[in-house]
Amino acid sequence: MKTFRFFVENVDAACFTYVLNKDGTDGINFINEKCVDLWEVGADEAKQNVEVLWSMIDPSQLDGVRESVLASGRDLTPWRYSWKITTPSGNVKWLRSKGMPVKGKMIPWFGIP
């Protein structure tokens, strides 16, 4: 496990663990520093309130992103999606992300700017 943690702490990509609960609530349990660079939000803030990340998604794409995440978690299929965000400082960025859901466990998601 130490090797995995070392990898995600040092890889040149944003890595985080997203959890989608049966009751529909969601959250983040782990987020590396690249995520902070990408979203311009501190790790503690993202873990305490995942909505801060959802709120950056372009409104015209939000439903599509949410549905793709739900479908991936429901069907336990790999997730791949590209979408646009606007960071708190006003920077517009396109993200390409992928992840693999795991039933009953945390779901690792990797975002690549």
N, C-alpha and C. Protein backbone atom coordinates (compact mmCIF):
# COMPACT_ATOMS: atom_id res chain seq x y z
N MET A 1 0.82 -1.20 0.00
CA MET A 1 0.00 0.00 0.00
C MET A 1 0.86 1.26 0.00
N LYS A 2 2.03 1.19 0.63
CA LYS A 2 2.90 2.35 0.65
C LYS A 2 3.36 2.70 -0.77
N THR A 3 3.59 1.69 -1.60
CA THR A 3 4.01 1.93 -2.98
C THR A 3 2.92 2.65 -3.75
N PHE A 4 1.66 2.23 -3.58
CA PHE A 4 0.55 2.88 -4.27
C PHE A 4 0.42 4.33 -3.82
N ARG A 5 0.50 4.56 -2.52
CA ARG A 5 0.38 5.92 -2.00
C ARG A 5 1.51 6.78 -2.55
N PHE A 6 2.73 6.24 -2.60
CA PHE A 6 3.86 6.97 -3.16
C PHE A 6 3.58 7.34 -4.62
N PHE A 7 3.07 6.38 -5.37
CA PHE A 7 2.76 6.62 -6.77
C PHE A 7 1.75 7.76 -6.94
N VAL A 8 0.62 7.69 -6.27
CA VAL A 8 -0.41 8.71 -6.47
C VAL A 8 -0.01 10.06 -5.90
N GLU A 9 0.90 10.07 -4.94
CA GLU A 9 1.38 11.34 -4.41
C GLU A 9 2.37 12.00 -5.36
N ASN A 10 3.01 11.21 -6.23
CA ASN A 10 4.08 11.74 -7.07
C ASN A 10 3.83 11.70 -8.57
N VAL A 11 2.75 11.06 -9.00
CA VAL A 11 2.45 10.99 -10.43
C VAL A 11 2.03 12.38 -10.93
N ASP A 12 2.30 12.64 -12.21
CA ASP A 12 1.95 13.93 -12.79
C ASP A 12 0.52 13.90 -13.33
N ALA A 13 -0.41 13.55 -12.46
CA ALA A 13 -1.83 13.51 -12.79
C ALA A 13 -2.62 13.69 -11.50
N ALA A 14 -3.80 14.21 -11.64
CA ALA A 14 -4.69 14.35 -10.48
C ALA A 14 -5.30 12.99 -10.16
N CYS A 15 -5.20 12.57 -8.91
CA CYS A 15 -5.76 11.29 -8.47
C CYS A 15 -6.59 11.53 -7.21
N PHE A 16 -7.76 10.94 -7.19
CA PHE A 16 -8.56 11.03 -5.98
C PHE A 16 -9.47 9.82 -5.87
N THR A 17 -9.96 9.60 -4.69
CA THR A 17 -10.86 8.49 -4.42
C THR A 17 -12.24 9.06 -4.17
N TYR A 18 -13.14 8.75 -5.08
CA TYR A 18 -14.52 9.24 -5.03
C TYR A 18 -15.41 8.11 -4.54
N VAL A 19 -16.31 8.42 -3.61
CA VAL A 19 -17.21 7.42 -3.06
C VAL A 19 -18.65 7.82 -3.37
N LEU A 20 -19.38 6.90 -3.97
CA LEU A 20 -20.80 7.09 -4.25
C LEU A 20 -21.56 6.11 -3.37
N ASN A 21 -22.28 6.62 -2.39
CA ASN A 21 -22.99 5.78 -1.43
C ASN A 21 -24.35 5.34 -1.95
N LYS A 22 -24.87 4.25 -1.40
CA LYS A 22 -26.16 3.72 -1.82
C LYS A 22 -27.29 4.72 -1.64
N ASP A 23 -27.16 5.60 -0.64
CA ASP A 23 -28.22 6.59 -0.39
C ASP A 23 -28.13 7.81 -1.31
N GLY A 24 -27.17 7.79 -2.24
CA GLY A 24 -27.03 8.90 -3.19
C GLY A 24 -26.04 9.96 -2.78
N THR A 25 -25.58 9.93 -1.53
CA THR A 25 -24.57 10.89 -1.11
C THR A 25 -23.22 10.48 -1.70
N ASP A 26 -22.33 11.44 -1.79
CA ASP A 26 -21.01 11.14 -2.33
C ASP A 26 -19.95 11.92 -1.57
N GLY A 27 -18.71 11.60 -1.84
CA GLY A 27 -17.62 12.28 -1.17
C GLY A 27 -16.27 11.86 -1.71
N ILE A 28 -15.25 12.47 -1.17
CA ILE A 28 -13.87 12.17 -1.54
C ILE A 28 -13.13 11.80 -0.26
N ASN A 29 -12.42 10.68 -0.31
CA ASN A 29 -11.64 10.24 0.85
C ASN A 29 -10.16 10.55 0.71
N PHE A 30 -9.68 10.63 -0.52
CA PHE A 30 -8.27 10.93 -0.76
C PHE A 30 -8.18 11.83 -1.99
N ILE A 31 -7.25 12.76 -1.94
CA ILE A 31 -7.02 13.63 -3.09
C ILE A 31 -5.55 14.05 -3.07
N ASN A 32 -4.87 13.90 -4.20
CA ASN A 32 -3.45 14.27 -4.21
C ASN A 32 -3.27 15.75 -4.56
N GLU A 33 -2.03 16.20 -4.47
CA GLU A 33 -1.74 17.62 -4.68
C GLU A 33 -2.02 18.09 -6.11
N LYS A 34 -1.93 17.21 -7.11
CA LYS A 34 -2.24 17.61 -8.47
C LYS A 34 -3.70 18.05 -8.60
N CYS A 35 -4.57 17.46 -7.81
CA CYS A 35 -5.97 17.88 -7.81
C CYS A 35 -6.08 19.32 -7.32
N VAL A 36 -5.29 19.64 -6.33
CA VAL A 36 -5.29 21.01 -5.82
C VAL A 36 -4.85 21.96 -6.93
N ASP A 37 -3.80 21.58 -7.66
CA ASP A 37 -3.34 22.40 -8.78
C ASP A 37 -4.41 22.52 -9.85
N LEU A 38 -5.10 21.43 -10.13
CA LEU A 38 -6.10 21.38 -11.19
C LEU A 38 -7.34 22.20 -10.85
N TRP A 39 -7.94 21.94 -9.69
CA TRP A 39 -9.20 22.58 -9.32
C TRP A 39 -9.03 23.86 -8.51
N GLU A 40 -7.80 24.12 -8.04
CA GLU A 40 -7.53 25.31 -7.24
C GLU A 40 -8.31 25.29 -5.93
N VAL A 41 -8.50 24.10 -5.39
CA VAL A 41 -9.22 23.92 -4.13
C VAL A 41 -8.36 23.01 -3.25
N GLY A 42 -8.23 23.36 -1.99
CA GLY A 42 -7.45 22.55 -1.07
C GLY A 42 -8.05 21.18 -0.84
N ALA A 43 -7.18 20.21 -0.52
CA ALA A 43 -7.61 18.83 -0.31
C ALA A 43 -8.66 18.74 0.81
N ASP A 44 -8.44 19.42 1.91
CA ASP A 44 -9.39 19.36 3.03
C ASP A 44 -10.76 19.89 2.62
N GLU A 45 -10.78 20.99 1.87
CA GLU A 45 -12.05 21.56 1.43
C GLU A 45 -12.79 20.58 0.51
N ALA A 46 -12.07 19.96 -0.42
CA ALA A 46 -12.69 19.00 -1.35
C ALA A 46 -13.23 17.79 -0.60
N LYS A 47 -12.49 17.32 0.41
CA LYS A 47 -12.94 16.15 1.18
C LYS A 47 -14.15 16.50 2.05
N GLN A 48 -14.19 17.70 2.57
CA GLN A 48 -15.30 18.11 3.43
C GLN A 48 -16.57 18.41 2.65
N ASN A 49 -16.41 18.84 1.38
CA ASN A 49 -17.58 19.22 0.59
C ASN A 49 -17.31 18.98 -0.89
N VAL A 50 -17.62 17.77 -1.36
CA VAL A 50 -17.37 17.43 -2.76
C VAL A 50 -18.15 18.32 -3.72
N GLU A 51 -19.20 18.95 -3.24
CA GLU A 51 -20.01 19.83 -4.09
C GLU A 51 -19.18 20.99 -4.65
N VAL A 52 -18.11 21.37 -3.96
CA VAL A 52 -17.26 22.45 -4.46
C VAL A 52 -16.65 22.06 -5.81
N LEU A 53 -16.38 20.77 -6.02
CA LEU A 53 -15.85 20.31 -7.32
C LEU A 53 -16.96 20.19 -8.34
N TRP A 54 -18.11 19.62 -7.93
CA TRP A 54 -19.24 19.50 -8.86
C TRP A 54 -19.66 20.87 -9.37
N SER A 55 -19.59 21.88 -8.53
CA SER A 55 -20.06 23.22 -8.91
C SER A 55 -19.20 23.88 -9.98
N MET A 56 -18.00 23.38 -10.21
CA MET A 56 -17.12 23.96 -11.22
C MET A 56 -17.43 23.44 -12.63
N ILE A 57 -18.19 22.37 -12.73
CA ILE A 57 -18.49 21.78 -14.03
C ILE A 57 -19.40 22.71 -14.81
N ASP A 58 -19.10 22.87 -16.09
CA ASP A 58 -19.91 23.71 -16.96
C ASP A 58 -21.38 23.26 -16.84
N PRO A 59 -22.29 24.18 -16.57
CA PRO A 59 -23.70 23.81 -16.36
C PRO A 59 -24.30 22.99 -17.50
N SER A 60 -23.86 23.23 -18.73
CA SER A 60 -24.41 22.48 -19.87
C SER A 60 -23.94 21.03 -19.88
N GLN A 61 -22.92 20.71 -19.09
CA GLN A 61 -22.37 19.36 -19.06
C GLN A 61 -22.61 18.63 -17.74
N LEU A 62 -23.09 19.35 -16.74
CA LEU A 62 -23.22 18.76 -15.41
C LEU A 62 -24.08 17.51 -15.39
N ASP A 63 -25.25 17.52 -16.00
CA ASP A 63 -26.11 16.34 -16.01
C ASP A 63 -25.42 15.15 -16.67
N GLY A 64 -24.71 15.39 -17.75
CA GLY A 64 -24.00 14.32 -18.44
C GLY A 64 -22.90 13.71 -17.61
N VAL A 65 -22.15 14.55 -16.90
CA VAL A 65 -21.08 14.05 -16.03
C VAL A 65 -21.69 13.22 -14.91
N ARG A 66 -22.71 13.76 -14.25
CA ARG A 66 -23.35 13.02 -13.15
C ARG A 66 -23.91 11.68 -13.62
N GLU A 67 -24.59 11.67 -14.76
CA GLU A 67 -25.17 10.43 -15.27
C GLU A 67 -24.09 9.42 -15.62
N SER A 68 -22.99 9.90 -16.18
CA SER A 68 -21.91 8.97 -16.53
C SER A 68 -21.30 8.33 -15.28
N VAL A 69 -21.17 9.11 -14.22
CA VAL A 69 -20.64 8.57 -12.96
C VAL A 69 -21.62 7.56 -12.38
N LEU A 70 -22.90 7.90 -12.36
CA LEU A 70 -23.91 6.99 -11.83
C LEU A 70 -23.97 5.69 -12.63
N ALA A 71 -23.92 5.79 -13.95
CA ALA A 71 -23.98 4.59 -14.80
C ALA A 71 -22.76 3.71 -14.56
N SER A 72 -21.61 4.31 -14.45
CA SER A 72 -20.39 3.55 -14.20
C SER A 72 -20.46 2.81 -12.86
N GLY A 73 -20.91 3.51 -11.82
CA GLY A 73 -21.05 2.88 -10.51
C GLY A 73 -22.11 1.81 -10.48
N ARG A 74 -23.22 2.05 -11.15
CA ARG A 74 -24.33 1.08 -11.19
C ARG A 74 -23.94 -0.18 -11.95
N ASP A 75 -23.29 0.01 -13.10
CA ASP A 75 -22.97 -1.11 -13.98
C ASP A 75 -21.58 -1.70 -13.73
N LEU A 76 -20.82 -1.05 -12.84
CA LEU A 76 -19.44 -1.45 -12.55
C LEU A 76 -18.61 -1.56 -13.83
N THR A 77 -18.73 -0.52 -14.65
CA THR A 77 -17.98 -0.44 -15.90
C THR A 77 -16.97 0.71 -15.80
N PRO A 78 -15.89 0.64 -16.55
CA PRO A 78 -14.90 1.73 -16.53
C PRO A 78 -15.55 3.06 -16.89
N TRP A 79 -15.08 4.10 -16.26
CA TRP A 79 -15.62 5.45 -16.50
C TRP A 79 -14.59 6.26 -17.27
N ARG A 80 -15.03 6.89 -18.34
CA ARG A 80 -14.21 7.81 -19.11
C ARG A 80 -15.11 8.99 -19.51
N TYR A 81 -14.60 10.18 -19.32
CA TYR A 81 -15.42 11.34 -19.64
C TYR A 81 -14.51 12.56 -19.82
N SER A 82 -14.91 13.46 -20.70
CA SER A 82 -14.23 14.74 -20.89
C SER A 82 -15.24 15.85 -20.65
N TRP A 83 -14.84 16.85 -19.90
CA TRP A 83 -15.74 17.94 -19.61
C TRP A 83 -14.96 19.21 -19.28
N LYS A 84 -15.70 20.30 -19.18
CA LYS A 84 -15.10 21.62 -18.94
C LYS A 84 -15.45 22.10 -17.53
N ILE A 85 -14.45 22.69 -16.87
CA ILE A 85 -14.69 23.31 -15.57
C ILE A 85 -14.24 24.76 -15.61
N THR A 86 -14.75 25.54 -14.68
CA THR A 86 -14.26 26.88 -14.43
C THR A 86 -13.83 26.93 -12.97
N THR A 87 -12.55 27.20 -12.73
CA THR A 87 -12.00 27.20 -11.38
C THR A 87 -12.40 28.47 -10.63
N PRO A 88 -12.17 28.48 -9.32
CA PRO A 88 -12.51 29.69 -8.55
C PRO A 88 -11.86 30.97 -9.05
N SER A 89 -10.67 30.85 -9.67
CA SER A 89 -10.00 32.06 -10.18
C SER A 89 -10.48 32.45 -11.57
N GLY A 90 -11.41 31.65 -12.14
CA GLY A 90 -11.96 31.95 -13.46
C GLY A 90 -11.28 31.23 -14.61
N ASN A 91 -10.29 30.40 -14.32
CA ASN A 91 -9.63 29.64 -15.38
C ASN A 91 -10.57 28.56 -15.91
N VAL A 92 -10.67 28.46 -17.23
CA VAL A 92 -11.48 27.43 -17.88
C VAL A 92 -10.54 26.31 -18.30
N LYS A 93 -10.88 25.08 -17.90
CA LYS A 93 -10.03 23.93 -18.20
C LYS A 93 -10.89 22.78 -18.71
N TRP A 94 -10.32 22.04 -19.65
CA TRP A 94 -10.95 20.80 -20.12
C TRP A 94 -10.28 19.64 -19.41
N LEU A 95 -11.07 18.74 -18.87
CA LEU A 95 -10.55 17.56 -18.16
C LEU A 95 -10.91 16.30 -18.92
N ARG A 96 -9.99 15.37 -18.93
CA ARG A 96 -10.23 14.00 -19.41
C ARG A 96 -9.99 13.11 -18.21
N SER A 97 -10.96 12.33 -17.86
CA SER A 97 -10.81 11.51 -16.67
C SER A 97 -11.22 10.08 -16.94
N LYS A 98 -10.72 9.21 -16.10
CA LYS A 98 -11.13 7.82 -16.17
C LYS A 98 -11.04 7.23 -14.78
N GLY A 99 -11.81 6.18 -14.57
CA GLY A 99 -11.81 5.52 -13.28
C GLY A 99 -12.42 4.14 -13.40
N MET A 100 -12.27 3.37 -12.35
CA MET A 100 -12.82 2.03 -12.30
C MET A 100 -13.59 1.86 -10.99
N PRO A 101 -14.90 1.66 -11.08
CA PRO A 101 -15.68 1.49 -9.86
C PRO A 101 -15.44 0.12 -9.22
N VAL A 102 -15.57 0.07 -7.92
CA VAL A 102 -15.43 -1.16 -7.16
C VAL A 102 -16.63 -1.24 -6.22
N LYS A 103 -17.44 -2.27 -6.37
CA LYS A 103 -18.66 -2.39 -5.57
C LYS A 103 -18.35 -2.46 -4.08
N GLY A 104 -19.05 -1.62 -3.32
CA GLY A 104 -18.92 -1.63 -1.87
C GLY A 104 -17.64 -1.04 -1.34
N LYS A 105 -16.84 -0.45 -2.22
CA LYS A 105 -15.59 0.14 -1.79
C LYS A 105 -15.44 1.52 -2.41
N MET A 106 -14.38 2.17 -2.05
CA MET A 106 -14.10 3.46 -2.63
C MET A 106 -13.80 3.29 -4.11
N ILE A 107 -14.09 4.30 -4.87
CA ILE A 107 -13.89 4.25 -6.31
C ILE A 107 -12.74 5.18 -6.67
N PRO A 108 -11.65 4.64 -7.26
CA PRO A 108 -10.56 5.53 -7.66
C PRO A 108 -10.87 6.22 -8.97
N TRP A 109 -10.67 7.52 -9.01
CA TRP A 109 -10.89 8.30 -10.23
C TRP A 109 -9.60 9.05 -10.52
N PHE A 110 -9.21 9.06 -11.74
CA PHE A 110 -8.00 9.75 -12.12
C PHE A 110 -8.34 10.82 -13.15
N GLY A 111 -8.08 12.05 -12.80
CA GLY A 111 -8.36 13.15 -13.71
C GLY A 111 -7.08 13.62 -14.35
N ILE A 112 -7.10 13.79 -15.64
CA ILE A 112 -5.91 14.24 -16.35
C ILE A 112 -6.23 15.53 -17.08
N PRO A 113 -5.55 16.60 -16.74
CA PRO A 113 -5.86 17.86 -17.42
C PRO A 113 -5.45 17.84 -18.87
